[in-house]
Amino acid sequence: MNLFMNIELDGALYIGIGWLSVASFFYFVDKRIYLFAFGATLLAGLFSLIDIYYVSLKFQIGFFLVNPIFILLIFGFIFLNWDGIKTLLAEVPKLRGK
């Protein structure tokens, strides 16, 4: 049995690949926008609004479908970008004028 038989490439996969491409573009243009864009992509994938894999595992919590692969990706994202996230959160009061 082949794992990749009868797989449908739906709109969520194409949208997810598009969002991932835009976030990757912002990595080279502006690191602050990249943190927002890639974080939003991971959160959308966590709640199964988008997909970036052919095969995805999903379980349901209440009304939400949760993808556990994105939980691991979010932890990795936070771990690898912790310094950038700290500096970005330190700038938030400056944006409000305080």
C-alpha atoms as a PDB file:
ATOM      1  CA  MET A   1       0.000   0.000   0.000  1.00  0.00           C
ATOM      2  CA  ASN A   2       1.323   3.381  -0.994  1.00  0.00           C
ATOM      3  CA  LEU A   3       0.826   6.205   1.505  1.00  0.00           C
ATOM      4  CA  PHE A   4       0.394   8.818  -1.216  1.00  0.00           C
ATOM      5  CA  MET A   5      -2.410   7.162  -3.166  1.00  0.00           C
ATOM      6  CA  ASN A   6      -5.745   8.934  -3.602  1.00  0.00           C
ATOM      7  CA  ILE A   7      -4.525  12.259  -2.224  1.00  0.00           C
ATOM      8  CA  GLU A   8      -6.502  15.305  -3.267  1.00  0.00           C
ATOM      9  CA  LEU A   9      -4.639  18.577  -3.580  1.00  0.00           C
ATOM     10  CA  ASP A  10      -7.296  20.983  -2.369  1.00  0.00           C
ATOM     11  CA  GLY A  11      -7.400  24.741  -1.980  1.00  0.00           C
ATOM     12  CA  ALA A  12      -6.133  24.695   1.621  1.00  0.00           C
ATOM     13  CA  LEU A  13      -2.849  23.188   0.417  1.00  0.00           C
ATOM     14  CA  TYR A  14      -2.374  25.797  -2.305  1.00  0.00           C
ATOM     15  CA  ILE A  15      -3.258  28.649   0.067  1.00  0.00           C
ATOM     16  CA  GLY A  16      -0.854  27.259   2.668  1.00  0.00           C
ATOM     17  CA  ILE A  17       1.989  27.031   0.181  1.00  0.00           C
ATOM     18  CA  GLY A  18       1.221  30.600  -0.926  1.00  0.00           C
ATOM     19  CA  TRP A  19       1.288  31.911   2.650  1.00  0.00           C
ATOM     20  CA  LEU A  20       4.522  30.028   3.287  1.00  0.00           C
ATOM     21  CA  SER A  21       6.050  31.584   0.182  1.00  0.00           C
ATOM     22  CA  VAL A  22       5.034  35.094   1.252  1.00  0.00           C
ATOM     23  CA  ALA A  23       6.448  34.531   4.752  1.00  0.00           C
ATOM     24  CA  SER A  24       9.688  33.231   3.231  1.00  0.00           C
ATOM     25  CA  PHE A  25       9.899  36.343   1.058  1.00  0.00           C
ATOM     26  CA  PHE A  26       9.583  38.565   4.130  1.00  0.00           C
ATOM     27  CA  TYR A  27      12.437  36.676   5.793  1.00  0.00           C
ATOM     28  CA  PHE A  28      14.784  38.317   3.328  1.00  0.00           C
ATOM     29  CA  VAL A  29      13.001  41.695   3.147  1.00  0.00           C
ATOM     30  CA  ASP A  30      12.114  42.532   6.766  1.00  0.00           C
ATOM     31  CA  LYS A  31      12.629  40.210   9.716  1.00  0.00           C
ATOM     32  CA  ARG A  32       9.896  41.857  11.839  1.00  0.00           C
ATOM     33  CA  ILE A  33       7.241  41.320   9.181  1.00  0.00           C
ATOM     34  CA  TYR A  34       8.521  37.764   8.746  1.00  0.00           C
ATOM     35  CA  LEU A  35       7.879  37.026  12.432  1.00  0.00           C
ATOM     36  CA  PHE A  36       4.275  38.160  12.080  1.00  0.00           C
ATOM     37  CA  ALA A  37       3.689  36.488   8.705  1.00  0.00           C
ATOM     38  CA  PHE A  38       5.206  33.115   9.587  1.00  0.00           C
ATOM     39  CA  GLY A  39       3.572  33.149  13.036  1.00  0.00           C
ATOM     40  CA  ALA A  40       0.182  33.809  11.423  1.00  0.00           C
ATOM     41  CA  THR A  41       0.837  31.004   8.938  1.00  0.00           C
ATOM     42  CA  LEU A  42       1.608  28.587  11.754  1.00  0.00           C
ATOM     43  CA  LEU A  43      -1.483  29.607  13.728  1.00  0.00           C
ATOM     44  CA  ALA A  44      -3.690  29.192  10.663  1.00  0.00           C
ATOM     45  CA  GLY A  45      -2.170  25.756  10.098  1.00  0.00           C
ATOM     46  CA  LEU A  46      -2.645  24.820  13.754  1.00  0.00           C
ATOM     47  CA  PHE A  47      -6.400  25.243  13.424  1.00  0.00           C
ATOM     48  CA  SER A  48      -6.469  23.497  10.007  1.00  0.00           C
ATOM     49  CA  LEU A  49      -7.351  26.597   8.018  1.00  0.00           C
ATOM     50  CA  ILE A  50      -4.414  25.877   5.709  1.00  0.00           C
ATOM     51  CA  ASP A  51      -2.214  22.874   4.966  1.00  0.00           C
ATOM     52  CA  ILE A  52       1.391  22.713   3.852  1.00  0.00           C
ATOM     53  CA  TYR A  53       1.698  18.905   3.780  1.00  0.00           C
ATOM     54  CA  TYR A  54       0.088  16.279   1.598  1.00  0.00           C
ATOM     55  CA  VAL A  55      -0.769  14.139   4.616  1.00  0.00           C
ATOM     56  CA  SER A  56      -1.968  15.721   7.821  1.00  0.00           C
ATOM     57  CA  LEU A  57      -3.003  14.381  11.182  1.00  0.00           C
ATOM     58  CA  LYS A  58      -5.947  16.140  12.774  1.00  0.00           C
ATOM     59  CA  PHE A  59      -7.872  15.774  15.985  1.00  0.00           C
ATOM     60  CA  GLN A  60     -10.843  17.705  17.219  1.00  0.00           C
ATOM     61  CA  ILE A  61     -11.105  19.864  20.334  1.00  0.00           C
ATOM     62  CA  GLY A  62     -14.614  21.218  20.561  1.00  0.00           C
ATOM     63  CA  PHE A  63     -15.353  22.856  17.236  1.00  0.00           C
ATOM     64  CA  PHE A  64     -11.716  23.176  16.204  1.00  0.00           C
ATOM     65  CA  LEU A  65      -9.665  20.734  14.180  1.00  0.00           C
ATOM     66  CA  VAL A  66      -6.092  20.851  15.509  1.00  0.00           C
ATOM     67  CA  ASN A  67      -3.064  19.720  13.543  1.00  0.00           C
ATOM     68  CA  PRO A  68      -0.355  18.412  15.941  1.00  0.00           C
ATOM     69  CA  ILE A  69       2.413  18.874  13.353  1.00  0.00           C
ATOM     70  CA  PHE A  70       1.949  22.632  13.635  1.00  0.00           C
ATOM     71  CA  ILE A  71       2.287  22.461  17.428  1.00  0.00           C
ATOM     72  CA  LEU A  72       5.821  21.146  16.951  1.00  0.00           C
ATOM     73  CA  LEU A  73       6.514  23.761  14.275  1.00  0.00           C
ATOM     74  CA  ILE A  74       5.320  26.564  16.581  1.00  0.00           C
ATOM     75  CA  PHE A  75       7.622  25.391  19.388  1.00  0.00           C
ATOM     76  CA  GLY A  76      10.528  25.199  16.944  1.00  0.00           C
ATOM     77  CA  PHE A  77       9.705  28.664  15.571  1.00  0.00           C
ATOM     78  CA  ILE A  78       9.635  30.185  19.050  1.00  0.00           C
ATOM     79  CA  PHE A  79      12.855  28.415  20.060  1.00  0.00           C
ATOM     80  CA  LEU A  80      14.781  29.465  16.964  1.00  0.00           C
ATOM     81  CA  ASN A  81      13.480  33.060  16.884  1.00  0.00           C
ATOM     82  CA  TRP A  82      13.338  33.813  20.614  1.00  0.00           C
ATOM     83  CA  ASP A  83      15.658  36.836  20.436  1.00  0.00           C
ATOM     84  CA  GLY A  84      13.708  38.400  17.576  1.00  0.00           C
ATOM     85  CA  ILE A  85      10.402  37.835  19.353  1.00  0.00           C
ATOM     86  CA  LYS A  86      11.735  39.449  22.545  1.00  0.00           C
ATOM     87  CA  THR A  87      12.923  42.554  20.709  1.00  0.00           C
ATOM     88  CA  LEU A  88       9.659  42.749  18.777  1.00  0.00           C
ATOM     89  CA  LEU A  89       7.599  42.554  21.974  1.00  0.00           C
ATOM     90  CA  ALA A  90       9.832  45.191  23.594  1.00  0.00           C
ATOM     91  CA  GLU A  91       8.944  47.595  20.778  1.00  0.00           C
ATOM     92  CA  VAL A  92       5.167  47.272  21.286  1.00  0.00           C
ATOM     93  CA  PRO A  93       4.914  49.945  24.069  1.00  0.00           C
ATOM     94  CA  LYS A  94       6.941  52.312  21.882  1.00  0.00           C
ATOM     95  CA  LEU A  95       4.402  51.902  19.105  1.00  0.00           C
ATOM     96  CA  ARG A  96       1.583  52.862  21.466  1.00  0.00           C
ATOM     97  CA  GLY A  97       3.411  56.029  22.488  1.00  0.00           C
ATOM     98  CA  LYS A  98       4.101  55.034  26.104  1.00  0.00           C
END
